[in-house]
């Protein structure tokens, strides 16, 4: 199935060290992913001189095996 997933995140950034962490506040999908649930988490560090990121992304998505009739 085709579709999109949107997961807005909220988090923190330490402007002295570049360390950051964020987590999704919700997850919504369209088309084939409309019934998908889950979350994302991001942790890492930003190089404050060249603004590049090194991060780890953790996530879990649950997609129903049987689609609901709409």
Protein backbone atom coordinates (compact mmCIF):
# COMPACT_ATOMS: atom_id res chain seq x y z
CA UNK A 1 0.00 0.00 0.00
CA UNK A 2 1.05 3.56 -0.56
CA UNK A 3 0.59 6.45 1.83
CA UNK A 4 2.43 8.75 4.18
CA UNK A 5 3.20 8.78 7.89
CA UNK A 6 3.52 11.99 9.88
CA UNK A 7 5.07 12.02 13.36
CA UNK A 8 5.48 15.49 14.92
CA UNK A 9 8.21 15.52 17.57
CA UNK A 10 8.99 17.52 20.69
CA UNK A 11 12.31 17.51 22.46
CA UNK A 12 15.29 19.31 23.87
CA UNK A 13 18.61 20.62 22.56
CA UNK A 14 21.50 21.52 24.85
CA UNK A 15 22.97 24.54 23.08
CA UNK A 16 26.26 24.21 25.01
CA UNK A 17 26.99 20.57 24.08
CA UNK A 18 24.77 19.90 21.05
CA UNK A 19 23.11 16.91 22.73
CA UNK A 20 19.45 16.45 21.79
CA UNK A 21 16.53 14.10 22.36
CA UNK A 22 13.06 14.15 20.88
CA UNK A 23 10.01 11.91 20.73
CA UNK A 24 6.91 11.84 18.59
CA UNK A 25 3.79 13.26 20.15
CA UNK A 26 1.44 11.47 17.76
CA UNK A 27 1.45 9.45 14.57
CA UNK A 28 -1.00 9.82 11.70
CA UNK A 29 -1.14 8.07 8.37
CA UNK A 30 -2.87 8.41 5.04
CA UNK A 31 -4.12 5.92 2.47
CA UNK A 32 -2.65 2.48 3.27
CA UNK A 33 -1.26 3.70 6.60
CA UNK A 34 -4.39 5.36 7.98
CA UNK A 35 -4.75 2.77 10.81
CA UNK A 36 -1.04 2.71 11.70
CA UNK A 37 -0.01 3.46 15.27
CA UNK A 38 3.38 3.84 16.88
CA UNK A 39 6.06 6.29 17.91
CA UNK A 40 9.55 7.54 17.09
CA UNK A 41 12.43 8.64 19.33
CA UNK A 42 15.58 10.51 18.30
CA UNK A 43 18.78 10.92 20.33
CA UNK A 44 22.10 12.31 19.28
CA UNK A 45 24.41 15.25 19.08
CA UNK A 46 24.71 18.24 16.77
CA UNK A 47 28.18 19.49 15.86
CA UNK A 48 27.69 23.13 16.79
CA UNK A 49 30.44 24.35 14.43
CA UNK A 50 29.23 22.83 11.16
CA UNK A 51 25.61 22.03 12.17
CA UNK A 52 25.75 18.35 11.22
CA UNK A 53 23.92 15.72 13.23
CA UNK A 54 24.78 12.25 14.44
CA UNK A 55 21.61 10.60 15.67
CA UNK A 56 19.98 7.32 16.53
CA UNK A 57 16.39 6.81 15.50
CA UNK A 58 14.25 4.31 17.37
CA UNK A 59 10.73 3.47 16.36
CA UNK A 60 7.90 1.03 16.38
CA UNK A 61 5.01 1.00 13.96
CA UNK A 62 1.99 -1.25 14.20
CA UNK A 63 0.00 -1.85 11.03
CA UNK A 64 -3.23 -3.88 11.29
CA UNK A 65 -3.18 -7.09 9.27
CA UNK A 66 -6.84 -6.65 8.37
CA UNK A 67 -8.01 -3.29 7.10
CA UNK A 68 -11.16 -1.77 8.54
CA UNK A 69 -14.01 -1.10 6.15
CA UNK A 70 -14.52 2.61 5.77
